[in-house]
Amino acid sequence: SGSTNYADSVKGRFTISRDNAKNTMYLQMNSLKPEDTAVYYCNAPA
């Protein structure tokens, strides 16, 4: 339904969203820091 939850380390900087018509999820990342360096994975319990 679009309710979101964030890790404290990214609150206020990252935004998760989804487009159900496109079967696609997004993560908008702003004010990136060197400590955000990582491999980012998508997860779905299905």
ModelCIF file with pLDDT and N, C-alpha, C, O atoms, coordinates in Angstrom:
data_MODEL
#
_entry.id   MODEL 
#
_entity.id                         1 
_entity.type                       polymer 
_entity.pdbx_number_of_molecules   1 
#
_entity_poly.entity_id                      1 
_entity_poly.type                           'polypeptide(L)' 
_entity_poly.nstd_linkage                   no 
_entity_poly.nstd_monomer                   no 
_entity_poly.pdbx_seq_one_letter_code       SGSTNYADSVKGRFTISRDNAKNTMYLQMNSLKPEDTAVYYCNAPA 
_entity_poly.pdbx_seq_one_letter_code_can   SGSTNYADSVKGRFTISRDNAKNTMYLQMNSLKPEDTAVYYCNAPA 
_entity_poly.pdbx_strand_id                 A 
#
loop_
_entity_poly_seq.entity_id 
_entity_poly_seq.num 
_entity_poly_seq.mon_id 
_entity_poly_seq.hetero 
1 1  SER n 
1 2  GLY n 
1 3  SER n 
1 4  THR n 
1 5  ASN n 
1 6  TYR n 
1 7  ALA n 
1 8  ASP n 
1 9  SER n 
1 10 VAL n 
1 11 LYS n 
1 12 GLY n 
1 13 ARG n 
1 14 PHE n 
1 15 THR n 
1 16 ILE n 
1 17 SER n 
1 18 ARG n 
1 19 ASP n 
1 20 ASN n 
1 21 ALA n 
1 22 LYS n 
1 23 ASN n 
1 24 THR n 
1 25 MET n 
1 26 TYR n 
1 27 LEU n 
1 28 GLN n 
1 29 MET n 
1 30 ASN n 
1 31 SER n 
1 32 LEU n 
1 33 LYS n 
1 34 PRO n 
1 35 GLU n 
1 36 ASP n 
1 37 THR n 
1 38 ALA n 
1 39 VAL n 
1 40 TYR n 
1 41 TYR n 
1 42 CYS n 
1 43 ASN n 
1 44 ALA n 
1 45 PRO n 
1 46 ALA n 
#
_struct_asym.id          A 
_struct_asym.entity_id   1 
#
loop_
_ma_qa_metric.id 
_ma_qa_metric.mode 
_ma_qa_metric.name 
_ma_qa_metric.software_group_id 
_ma_qa_metric.type 
1 global pLDDT . pLDDT 
2 local  pLDDT . pLDDT 
#
_ma_qa_metric_global.metric_id      1 
_ma_qa_metric_global.metric_value   97.20 
_ma_qa_metric_global.model_id       1 
_ma_qa_metric_global.ordinal_id     1 
#
loop_
_ma_qa_metric_local.label_asym_id 
_ma_qa_metric_local.label_comp_id 
_ma_qa_metric_local.label_seq_id 
_ma_qa_metric_local.metric_id 
_ma_qa_metric_local.metric_value 
_ma_qa_metric_local.model_id 
_ma_qa_metric_local.ordinal_id 
A SER 1  2 94.00 1 1  
A GLY 2  2 95.00 1 2  
A SER 3  2 98.00 1 3  
A THR 4  2 98.00 1 4  
A ASN 5  2 98.00 1 5  
A TYR 6  2 98.00 1 6  
A ALA 7  2 98.00 1 7  
A ASP 8  2 98.00 1 8  
A SER 9  2 97.00 1 9  
A VAL 10 2 98.00 1 10 
A LYS 11 2 98.00 1 11 
A GLY 12 2 97.00 1 12 
A ARG 13 2 98.00 1 13 
A PHE 14 2 98.00 1 14 
A THR 15 2 98.00 1 15 
A ILE 16 2 98.00 1 16 
A SER 17 2 98.00 1 17 
A ARG 18 2 98.00 1 18 
A ASP 19 2 97.00 1 19 
A ASN 20 2 96.00 1 20 
A ALA 21 2 97.00 1 21 
A LYS 22 2 97.00 1 22 
A ASN 23 2 98.00 1 23 
A THR 24 2 98.00 1 24 
A MET 25 2 98.00 1 25 
A TYR 26 2 98.00 1 26 
A LEU 27 2 98.00 1 27 
A GLN 28 2 98.00 1 28 
A MET 29 2 98.00 1 29 
A ASN 30 2 97.00 1 30 
A SER 31 2 97.00 1 31 
A LEU 32 2 97.00 1 32 
A LYS 33 2 97.00 1 33 
A PRO 34 2 96.00 1 34 
A GLU 35 2 96.00 1 35 
A ASP 36 2 97.00 1 36 
A THR 37 2 98.00 1 37 
A ALA 38 2 98.00 1 38 
A VAL 39 2 98.00 1 39 
A TYR 40 2 98.00 1 40 
A TYR 41 2 98.00 1 41 
A CYS 42 2 98.00 1 42 
A ASN 43 2 97.00 1 43 
A ALA 44 2 97.00 1 44 
A PRO 45 2 94.00 1 45 
A ALA 46 2 90.00 1 46 
#
loop_
_atom_site.group_PDB 
_atom_site.id 
_atom_site.type_symbol 
_atom_site.label_atom_id 
_atom_site.label_alt_id 
_atom_site.label_comp_id 
_atom_site.label_asym_id 
_atom_site.label_entity_id 
_atom_site.label_seq_id 
_atom_site.pdbx_PDB_ins_code 
_atom_site.Cartn_x 
_atom_site.Cartn_y 
_atom_site.Cartn_z 
_atom_site.occupancy 
_atom_site.B_iso_or_equiv 
_atom_site.pdbx_formal_charge 
_atom_site.auth_seq_id 
_atom_site.auth_comp_id 
_atom_site.auth_asym_id 
_atom_site.auth_atom_id 
_atom_site.pdbx_PDB_model_num 
ATOM 1   N N  . SER A 1 1  ? 0.810  -1.217  0.000   1.00 94.00 ? 1  SER A N  1 
ATOM 2   C CA . SER A 1 1  ? 0.000  0.000   0.000   1.00 94.00 ? 1  SER A CA 1 
ATOM 3   C C  . SER A 1 1  ? 0.843  1.266   0.000   1.00 94.00 ? 1  SER A C  1 
ATOM 4   O O  . SER A 1 1  ? 0.306  2.373   -0.052  1.00 94.00 ? 1  SER A O  1 
ATOM 5   N N  . GLY A 1 2  ? 2.165  1.107   0.058   1.00 95.00 ? 2  GLY A N  1 
ATOM 6   C CA . GLY A 1 2  ? 3.044  2.268   -0.044  1.00 95.00 ? 2  GLY A CA 1 
ATOM 7   C C  . GLY A 1 2  ? 3.598  2.790   1.262   1.00 95.00 ? 2  GLY A C  1 
ATOM 8   O O  . GLY A 1 2  ? 4.289  3.809   1.265   1.00 95.00 ? 2  GLY A O  1 
ATOM 9   N N  . SER A 1 3  ? 3.322  2.132   2.363   1.00 98.00 ? 3  SER A N  1 
ATOM 10  C CA . SER A 1 3  ? 3.924  2.550   3.634   1.00 98.00 ? 3  SER A CA 1 
ATOM 11  C C  . SER A 1 3  ? 5.404  2.214   3.619   1.00 98.00 ? 3  SER A C  1 
ATOM 12  O O  . SER A 1 3  ? 5.815  1.161   3.132   1.00 98.00 ? 3  SER A O  1 
ATOM 13  N N  . THR A 1 4  ? 6.200  3.131   4.165   1.00 98.00 ? 4  THR A N  1 
ATOM 14  C CA . THR A 1 4  ? 7.653  2.980   4.075   1.00 98.00 ? 4  THR A CA 1 
ATOM 15  C C  . THR A 1 4  ? 8.315  2.956   5.444   1.00 98.00 ? 4  THR A C  1 
ATOM 16  O O  . THR A 1 4  ? 7.769  3.429   6.441   1.00 98.00 ? 4  THR A O  1 
ATOM 17  N N  . ASN A 1 5  ? 9.517  2.384   5.450   1.00 98.00 ? 5  ASN A N  1 
ATOM 18  C CA . ASN A 1 5  ? 10.318 2.319   6.668   1.00 98.00 ? 5  ASN A CA 1 
ATOM 19  C C  . ASN A 1 5  ? 11.780 2.437   6.252   1.00 98.00 ? 5  ASN A C  1 
ATOM 20  O O  . ASN A 1 5  ? 12.185 1.892   5.225   1.00 98.00 ? 5  ASN A O  1 
ATOM 21  N N  . TYR A 1 6  ? 12.574 3.156   7.057   1.00 98.00 ? 6  TYR A N  1 
ATOM 22  C CA . TYR A 1 6  ? 13.970 3.406   6.699   1.00 98.00 ? 6  TYR A CA 1 
ATOM 23  C C  . TYR A 1 6  ? 14.914 3.094   7.848   1.00 98.00 ? 6  TYR A C  1 
ATOM 24  O O  . TYR A 1 6  ? 14.560 3.222   9.020   1.00 98.00 ? 6  TYR A O  1 
ATOM 25  N N  . ALA A 1 7  ? 16.112 2.687   7.490   1.00 98.00 ? 7  ALA A N  1 
ATOM 26  C CA . ALA A 1 7  ? 17.182 2.610   8.471   1.00 98.00 ? 7  ALA A CA 1 
ATOM 27  C C  . ALA A 1 7  ? 17.512 4.019   8.935   1.00 98.00 ? 7  ALA A C  1 
ATOM 28  O O  . ALA A 1 7  ? 17.415 4.975   8.165   1.00 98.00 ? 7  ALA A O  1 
ATOM 29  N N  . ASP A 1 8  ? 17.905 4.144   10.205  1.00 98.00 ? 8  ASP A N  1 
ATOM 30  C CA . ASP A 1 8  ? 18.217 5.469   10.736  1.00 98.00 ? 8  ASP A CA 1 
ATOM 31  C C  . ASP A 1 8  ? 19.303 6.162   9.924   1.00 98.00 ? 8  ASP A C  1 
ATOM 32  O O  . ASP A 1 8  ? 19.283 7.383   9.774   1.00 98.00 ? 8  ASP A O  1 
ATOM 33  N N  . SER A 1 9  ? 20.241 5.394   9.404   1.00 97.00 ? 9  SER A N  1 
ATOM 34  C CA . SER A 1 9  ? 21.383 5.971   8.697   1.00 97.00 ? 9  SER A CA 1 
ATOM 35  C C  . SER A 1 9  ? 21.003 6.645   7.381   1.00 97.00 ? 9  SER A C  1 
ATOM 36  O O  . SER A 1 9  ? 21.784 7.429   6.842   1.00 97.00 ? 9  SER A O  1 
ATOM 37  N N  . VAL A 1 10 ? 19.808 6.348   6.857   1.00 98.00 ? 10 VAL A N  1 
ATOM 38  C CA . VAL A 1 10 ? 19.421 6.930   5.559   1.00 98.00 ? 10 VAL A CA 1 
ATOM 39  C C  . VAL A 1 10 ? 18.168 7.800   5.652   1.00 98.00 ? 10 VAL A C  1 
ATOM 40  O O  . VAL A 1 10 ? 17.764 8.405   4.658   1.00 98.00 ? 10 VAL A O  1 
ATOM 41  N N  . LYS A 1 11 ? 17.555 7.870   6.819   1.00 98.00 ? 11 LYS A N  1 
ATOM 42  C CA . LYS A 1 11 ? 16.341 8.683   6.975   1.00 98.00 ? 11 LYS A CA 1 
ATOM 43  C C  . LYS A 1 11 ? 16.596 10.125  6.582   1.00 98.00 ? 11 LYS A C  1 
ATOM 44  O O  . LYS A 1 11 ? 17.600 10.722  6.972   1.00 98.00 ? 11 LYS A O  1 
ATOM 45  N N  . GLY A 1 12 ? 15.681 10.676  5.810   1.00 97.00 ? 12 GLY A N  1 
ATOM 46  C CA . GLY A 1 12 ? 15.810 12.062  5.376   1.00 97.00 ? 12 GLY A CA 1 
ATOM 47  C C  . GLY A 1 12 ? 16.672 12.243  4.139   1.00 97.00 ? 12 GLY A C  1 
ATOM 48  O O  . GLY A 1 12 ? 16.702 13.331  3.563   1.00 97.00 ? 12 GLY A O  1 
ATOM 49  N N  . ARG A 1 13 ? 17.375 11.193  3.718   1.00 98.00 ? 13 ARG A N  1 
ATOM 50  C CA . ARG A 1 13 ? 18.224 11.279  2.529   1.00 98.00 ? 13 ARG A CA 1 
ATOM 51  C C  . ARG A 1 13 ? 17.744 10.349  1.408   1.00 98.00 ? 13 ARG A C  1 
ATOM 52  O O  . ARG A 1 13 ? 17.848 10.692  0.231   1.00 98.00 ? 13 ARG A O  1 
ATOM 53  N N  . PHE A 1 14 ? 17.229 9.194   1.767   1.00 98.00 ? 14 PHE A N  1 
ATOM 54  C CA . PHE A 1 14 ? 16.788 8.205   0.784   1.00 98.00 ? 14 PHE A CA 1 
ATOM 55  C C  . PHE A 1 14 ? 15.268 8.132   0.758   1.00 98.00 ? 14 PHE A C  1 
ATOM 56  O O  . PHE A 1 14 ? 14.610 8.345   1.776   1.00 98.00 ? 14 PHE A O  1 
ATOM 57  N N  . THR A 1 15 ? 14.716 7.829   -0.416  1.00 98.00 ? 15 THR A N  1 
ATOM 58  C CA . THR A 1 15 ? 13.278 7.643   -0.567  1.00 98.00 ? 15 THR A CA 1 
ATOM 59  C C  . THR A 1 15 ? 13.011 6.384   -1.380  1.00 98.00 ? 15 THR A C  1 
ATOM 60  O O  . THR A 1 15 ? 13.483 6.247   -2.509  1.00 98.00 ? 15 THR A O  1 
ATOM 61  N N  . ILE A 1 16 ? 12.250 5.472   -0.795  1.00 98.00 ? 16 ILE A N  1 
ATOM 62  C CA . ILE A 1 16 ? 11.850 4.260   -1.506  1.00 98.00 ? 16 ILE A CA 1 
ATOM 63  C C  . ILE A 1 16 ? 10.468 4.482   -2.103  1.00 98.00 ? 16 ILE A C  1 
ATOM 64  O O  . ILE A 1 16 ? 9.608  5.111   -1.486  1.00 98.00 ? 16 ILE A O  1 
ATOM 65  N N  . SER A 1 17 ? 10.264 3.966   -3.299  1.00 98.00 ? 17 SER A N  1 
ATOM 66  C CA . SER A 1 17 ? 8.958  4.102   -3.944  1.00 98.00 ? 17 SER A CA 1 
ATOM 67  C C  . SER A 1 17 ? 8.730  2.909   -4.865  1.00 98.00 ? 17 SER A C  1 
ATOM 68  O O  . SER A 1 17 ? 9.633  2.107   -5.103  1.00 98.00 ? 17 SER A O  1 
ATOM 69  N N  . ARG A 1 18 ? 7.521  2.811   -5.371  1.00 98.00 ? 18 ARG A N  1 
ATOM 70  C CA . ARG A 1 18 ? 7.196  1.708   -6.264  1.00 98.00 ? 18 ARG A CA 1 
ATOM 71  C C  . ARG A 1 18 ? 6.186  2.174   -7.305  1.00 98.00 ? 18 ARG A C  1 
ATOM 72  O O  . ARG A 1 18 ? 5.367  3.056   -7.051  1.00 98.00 ? 18 ARG A O  1 
ATOM 73  N N  . ASP A 1 19 ? 6.266  1.559   -8.483  1.00 97.00 ? 19 ASP A N  1 
ATOM 74  C CA . ASP A 1 19 ? 5.302  1.803   -9.553  1.00 97.00 ? 19 ASP A CA 1 
ATOM 75  C C  . ASP A 1 19 ? 4.703  0.442   -9.899  1.00 97.00 ? 19 ASP A C  1 
ATOM 76  O O  . ASP A 1 19 ? 5.314  -0.347  -10.618 1.00 97.00 ? 19 ASP A O  1 
ATOM 77  N N  . ASN A 1 20 ? 3.509  0.174   -9.386  1.00 96.00 ? 20 ASN A N  1 
ATOM 78  C CA . ASN A 1 20 ? 2.903  -1.143  -9.588  1.00 96.00 ? 20 ASN A CA 1 
ATOM 79  C C  . ASN A 1 20 ? 2.544  -1.389  -11.052 1.00 96.00 ? 20 ASN A C  1 
ATOM 80  O O  . ASN A 1 20 ? 2.482  -2.540  -11.485 1.00 96.00 ? 20 ASN A O  1 
ATOM 81  N N  . ALA A 1 21 ? 2.312  -0.339  -11.806 1.00 97.00 ? 21 ALA A N  1 
ATOM 82  C CA . ALA A 1 21 ? 1.995  -0.512  -13.228 1.00 97.00 ? 21 ALA A CA 1 
ATOM 83  C C  . ALA A 1 21 ? 3.209  -0.993  -14.010 1.00 97.00 ? 21 ALA A C  1 
ATOM 84  O O  . ALA A 1 21 ? 3.071  -1.644  -15.046 1.00 97.00 ? 21 ALA A O  1 
ATOM 85  N N  . LYS A 1 22 ? 4.397  -0.672  -13.511 1.00 97.00 ? 22 LYS A N  1 
ATOM 86  C CA . LYS A 1 22 ? 5.634  -1.064  -14.188 1.00 97.00 ? 22 LYS A CA 1 
ATOM 87  C C  . LYS A 1 22 ? 6.360  -2.209  -13.482 1.00 97.00 ? 22 LYS A C  1 
ATOM 88  O O  . LYS A 1 22 ? 7.432  -2.627  -13.919 1.00 97.00 ? 22 LYS A O  1 
ATOM 89  N N  . ASN A 1 23 ? 5.778  -2.715  -12.393 1.00 98.00 ? 23 ASN A N  1 
ATOM 90  C CA . ASN A 1 23 ? 6.436  -3.769  -11.599 1.00 98.00 ? 23 ASN A CA 1 
ATOM 91  C C  . ASN A 1 23 ? 7.864  -3.376  -11.238 1.00 98.00 ? 23 ASN A C  1 
ATOM 92  O O  . ASN A 1 23 ? 8.792  -4.176  -11.357 1.00 98.00 ? 23 ASN A O  1 
ATOM 93  N N  . THR A 1 24 ? 8.020  -2.154  -10.802 1.00 98.00 ? 24 THR A N  1 
ATOM 94  C CA . THR A 1 24 ? 9.354  -1.627  -10.537 1.00 98.00 ? 24 THR A CA 1 
ATOM 95  C C  . THR A 1 24 ? 9.376  -0.889  -9.207  1.00 98.00 ? 24 THR A C  1 
ATOM 96  O O  . THR A 1 24 ? 8.439  -0.170  -8.860  1.00 98.00 ? 24 THR A O  1 
ATOM 97  N N  . MET A 1 25 ? 10.470 -1.083  -8.469  1.00 98.00 ? 25 MET A N  1 
ATOM 98  C CA . MET A 1 25 ? 10.708 -0.374  -7.214  1.00 98.00 ? 25 MET A CA 1 
ATOM 99  C C  . MET A 1 25 ? 11.929 0.520   -7.398  1.00 98.00 ? 25 MET A C  1 
ATOM 100 O O  . MET A 1 25 ? 12.835 0.202   -8.168  1.00 98.00 ? 25 MET A O  1 
ATOM 101 N N  . TYR A 1 26 ? 11.939 1.627   -6.690  1.00 98.00 ? 26 TYR A N  1 
ATOM 102 C CA . TYR A 1 26 ? 13.033 2.590   -6.815  1.00 98.00 ? 26 TYR A CA 1 
ATOM 103 C C  . TYR A 1 26 ? 13.610 2.941   -5.448  1.00 98.00 ? 26 TYR A C  1 
ATOM 104 O O  . TYR A 1 26 ? 12.961 2.788   -4.413  1.00 98.00 ? 26 TYR A O  1 
ATOM 105 N N  . LEU A 1 27 ? 14.842 3.412   -5.483  1.00 98.00 ? 27 LEU A N  1 
ATOM 106 C CA . LEU A 1 27 ? 15.457 4.006   -4.300  1.00 98.00 ? 27 LEU A CA 1 
ATOM 107 C C  . LEU A 1 27 ? 16.163 5.273   -4.751  1.00 98.00 ? 27 LEU A C  1 
ATOM 108 O O  . LEU A 1 27 ? 17.198 5.224   -5.415  1.00 98.00 ? 27 LEU A O  1 
ATOM 109 N N  . GLN A 1 28 ? 15.586 6.411   -4.377  1.00 98.00 ? 28 GLN A N  1 
ATOM 110 C CA . GLN A 1 28 ? 16.216 7.694   -4.664  1.00 98.00 ? 28 GLN A CA 1 
ATOM 111 C C  . GLN A 1 28 ? 17.154 8.023   -3.510  1.00 98.00 ? 28 GLN A C  1 
ATOM 112 O O  . GLN A 1 28 ? 16.739 8.073   -2.352  1.00 98.00 ? 28 GLN A O  1 
ATOM 113 N N  . MET A 1 29 ? 18.414 8.245   -3.838  1.00 98.00 ? 29 MET A N  1 
ATOM 114 C CA . MET A 1 29 ? 19.434 8.492   -2.818  1.00 98.00 ? 29 MET A CA 1 
ATOM 115 C C  . MET A 1 29 ? 19.998 9.886   -3.019  1.00 98.00 ? 29 MET A C  1 
ATOM 116 O O  . MET A 1 29 ? 20.576 10.186  -4.064  1.00 98.00 ? 29 MET A O  1 
ATOM 117 N N  . ASN A 1 30 ? 19.830 10.730  -2.023  1.00 97.00 ? 30 ASN A N  1 
ATOM 118 C CA . ASN A 1 30 ? 20.343 12.101  -2.060  1.00 97.00 ? 30 ASN A CA 1 
ATOM 119 C C  . ASN A 1 30 ? 21.382 12.296  -0.963  1.00 97.00 ? 30 ASN A C  1 
ATOM 120 O O  . ASN A 1 30 ? 21.475 11.506  -0.024  1.00 97.00 ? 30 ASN A O  1 
ATOM 121 N N  . SER A 1 31 ? 22.148 13.350  -1.102  1.00 97.00 ? 31 SER A N  1 
ATOM 122 C CA . SER A 1 31 ? 23.186 13.686  -0.103  1.00 97.00 ? 31 SER A CA 1 
ATOM 123 C C  . SER A 1 31 ? 24.029 12.464  0.236   1.00 97.00 ? 31 SER A C  1 
ATOM 124 O O  . SER A 1 31 ? 24.257 12.149  1.404   1.00 97.00 ? 31 SER A O  1 
ATOM 125 N N  . LEU A 1 32 ? 24.482 11.791  -0.799  1.00 97.00 ? 32 LEU A N  1 
ATOM 126 C CA . LEU A 1 32 ? 25.223 10.555  -0.590  1.00 97.00 ? 32 LEU A CA 1 
ATOM 127 C C  . LEU A 1 32 ? 26.542 10.809  0.128   1.00 97.00 ? 32 LEU A C  1 
ATOM 128 O O  . LEU A 1 32 ? 27.179 11.848  -0.041  1.00 97.00 ? 32 LEU A O  1 
ATOM 129 N N  . LYS A 1 33 ? 26.928 9.824   0.936   1.00 97.00 ? 33 LYS A N  1 
ATOM 130 C CA . LYS A 1 33 ? 28.158 9.888   1.719   1.00 97.00 ? 33 LYS A CA 1 
ATOM 131 C C  . LYS A 1 33 ? 29.047 8.708   1.341   1.00 97.00 ? 33 LYS A C  1 
ATOM 132 O O  . LYS A 1 33 ? 28.547 7.699   0.845   1.00 97.00 ? 33 LYS A O  1 
ATOM 133 N N  . PRO A 1 34 ? 30.341 8.815   1.563   1.00 96.00 ? 34 PRO A N  1 
ATOM 134 C CA . PRO A 1 34 ? 31.219 7.676   1.271   1.00 96.00 ? 34 PRO A CA 1 
ATOM 135 C C  . PRO A 1 34 ? 30.772 6.391   1.979   1.00 96.00 ? 34 PRO A C  1 
ATOM 136 O O  . PRO A 1 34 ? 30.953 5.295   1.450   1.00 96.00 ? 34 PRO A O  1 
ATOM 137 N N  . GLU A 1 35 ? 30.189 6.530   3.174   1.00 96.00 ? 35 GLU A N  1 
ATOM 138 C CA . GLU A 1 35 ? 29.751 5.332   3.904   1.00 96.00 ? 35 GLU A CA 1 
ATOM 139 C C  . GLU A 1 35 ? 28.515 4.685   3.297   1.00 96.00 ? 35 GLU A C  1 
ATOM 140 O O  . GLU A 1 35 ? 28.100 3.622   3.758   1.00 96.00 ? 35 GLU A O  1 
ATOM 141 N N  . ASP A 1 36 ? 27.918 5.288   2.284   1.00 97.00 ? 36 ASP A N  1 
ATOM 142 C CA . ASP A 1 36 ? 26.832 4.658   1.539   1.00 97.00 ? 36 ASP A CA 1 
ATOM 143 C C  . ASP A 1 36 ? 27.352 3.706   0.466   1.00 97.00 ? 36 ASP A C  1 
ATOM 144 O O  . ASP A 1 36 ? 26.573 3.002   -0.178  1.00 97.00 ? 36 ASP A O  1 
ATOM 145 N N  . THR A 1 37 ? 28.660 3.686   0.277   1.00 98.00 ? 37 THR A N  1 
ATOM 146 C CA . THR A 1 37 ? 29.251 2.788   -0.712  1.00 98.00 ? 37 THR A CA 1 
ATOM 147 C C  . THR A 1 37 ? 28.931 1.340   -0.357  1.00 98.00 ? 37 THR A C  1 
ATOM 148 O O  . THR A 1 37 ? 29.215 0.879   0.749   1.00 98.00 ? 37 THR A O  1 
ATOM 149 N N  . ALA A 1 38 ? 28.333 0.628   -1.320  1.00 98.00 ? 38 ALA A N  1 
ATOM 150 C CA . ALA A 1 38 ? 27.911 -0.751  -1.078  1.00 98.00 ? 38 ALA A CA 1 
ATOM 151 C C  . ALA A 1 38 ? 27.304 -1.320  -2.359  1.00 98.00 ? 38 ALA A C  1 
ATOM 152 O O  . ALA A 1 38 ? 27.064 -0.603  -3.330  1.00 98.00 ? 38 ALA A O  1 
ATOM 153 N N  . VAL A 1 39 ? 27.067 -2.616  -2.329  1.00 98.00 ? 39 VAL A N  1 
ATOM 154 C CA . VAL A 1 39 ? 26.224 -3.227  -3.348  1.00 98.00 ? 39 VAL A CA 1 
ATOM 155 C C  . VAL A 1 39 ? 24.791 -3.184  -2.825  1.00 98.00 ? 39 VAL A C  1 
ATOM 156 O O  . VAL A 1 39 ? 24.509 -3.627  -1.712  1.00 98.00 ? 39 VAL A O  1 
ATOM 157 N N  . TYR A 1 40 ? 23.906 -2.651  -3.631  1.00 98.00 ? 40 TYR A N  1 
ATOM 158 C CA . TYR A 1 40 ? 22.504 -2.495  -3.236  1.00 98.00 ? 40 TYR A CA 1 
ATOM 159 C C  . TYR A 1 40 ? 21.681 -3.614  -3.864  1.00 98.00 ? 40 TYR A C  1 
ATOM 160 O O  . TYR A 1 40 ? 21.741 -3.857  -5.069  1.00 98.00 ? 40 TYR A O  1 
ATOM 161 N N  . TYR A 1 41 ? 20.907 -4.292  -3.009  1.00 98.00 ? 41 TYR A N  1 
ATOM 162 C CA . TYR A 1 41 ? 20.122 -5.443  -3.434  1.00 98.00 ? 41 TYR A CA 1 
ATOM 163 C C  . TYR A 1 41 ? 18.631 -5.187  -3.246  1.00 98.00 ? 41 TYR A C  1 
ATOM 164 O O  . TYR A 1 41 ? 18.205 -4.544  -2.287  1.00 98.00 ? 41 TYR A O  1 
ATOM 165 N N  . CYS A 1 42 ? 17.879 -5.693  -4.160  1.00 98.00 ? 42 CYS A N  1 
ATOM 166 C CA . CYS A 1 42 ? 16.430 -5.691  -4.104  1.00 98.00 ? 42 CYS A CA 1 
ATOM 167 C C  . CYS A 1 42 ? 15.959 -7.012  -3.490  1.00 98.00 ? 42 CYS A C  1 
ATOM 168 O O  . CYS A 1 42 ? 16.505 -8.073  -3.792  1.00 98.00 ? 42 CYS A O  1 
ATOM 169 N N  . ASN A 1 43 ? 14.949 -6.941  -2.633  1.00 97.00 ? 43 ASN A N  1 
ATOM 170 C CA . ASN A 1 43 ? 14.427 -8.137  -1.974  1.00 97.00 ? 43 ASN A CA 1 
ATOM 171 C C  . ASN A 1 43 ? 12.918 -8.225  -2.114  1.00 97.00 ? 43 ASN A C  1 
ATOM 172 O O  . ASN A 1 43 ? 12.206 -7.226  -2.018  1.00 97.00 ? 43 ASN A O  1 
ATOM 173 N N  . ALA A 1 44 ? 12.443 -9.457  -2.345  1.00 97.00 ? 44 ALA A N  1 
ATOM 174 C CA . ALA A 1 44 ? 10.998 -9.689  -2.415  1.00 97.00 ? 44 ALA A CA 1 
ATOM 175 C C  . ALA A 1 44 ? 10.673 -11.040 -1.795  1.00 97.00 ? 44 ALA A C  1 
ATOM 176 O O  . ALA A 1 44 ? 11.177 -12.069 -2.246  1.00 97.00 ? 44 ALA A O  1 
ATOM 177 N N  . PRO A 1 45 ? 9.828  -11.045 -0.754  1.00 94.00 ? 45 PRO A N  1 
ATOM 178 C CA . PRO A 1 45 ? 9.339  -12.313 -0.221  1.00 94.00 ? 45 PRO A CA 1 
ATOM 179 C C  . PRO A 1 45 ? 8.161  -12.778 -1.069  1.00 94.00 ? 45 PRO A C  1 
ATOM 180 O O  . PRO A 1 45 ? 7.086  -12.180 -1.021  1.00 94.00 ? 45 PRO A O  1 
ATOM 181 N N  . ALA A 1 46 ? 8.358  -13.844 -1.846  1.00 90.00 ? 46 ALA A N  1 
ATOM 182 C CA . ALA A 1 46 ? 7.299  -14.273 -2.758  1.00 90.00 ? 46 ALA A CA 1 
ATOM 183 C C  . ALA A 1 46 ? 7.271  -15.794 -2.825  1.00 90.00 ? 46 ALA A C  1 
ATOM 184 O O  . ALA A 1 46 ? 6.448  -16.366 -3.540  1.00 90.00 ? 46 ALA A O  1 
#
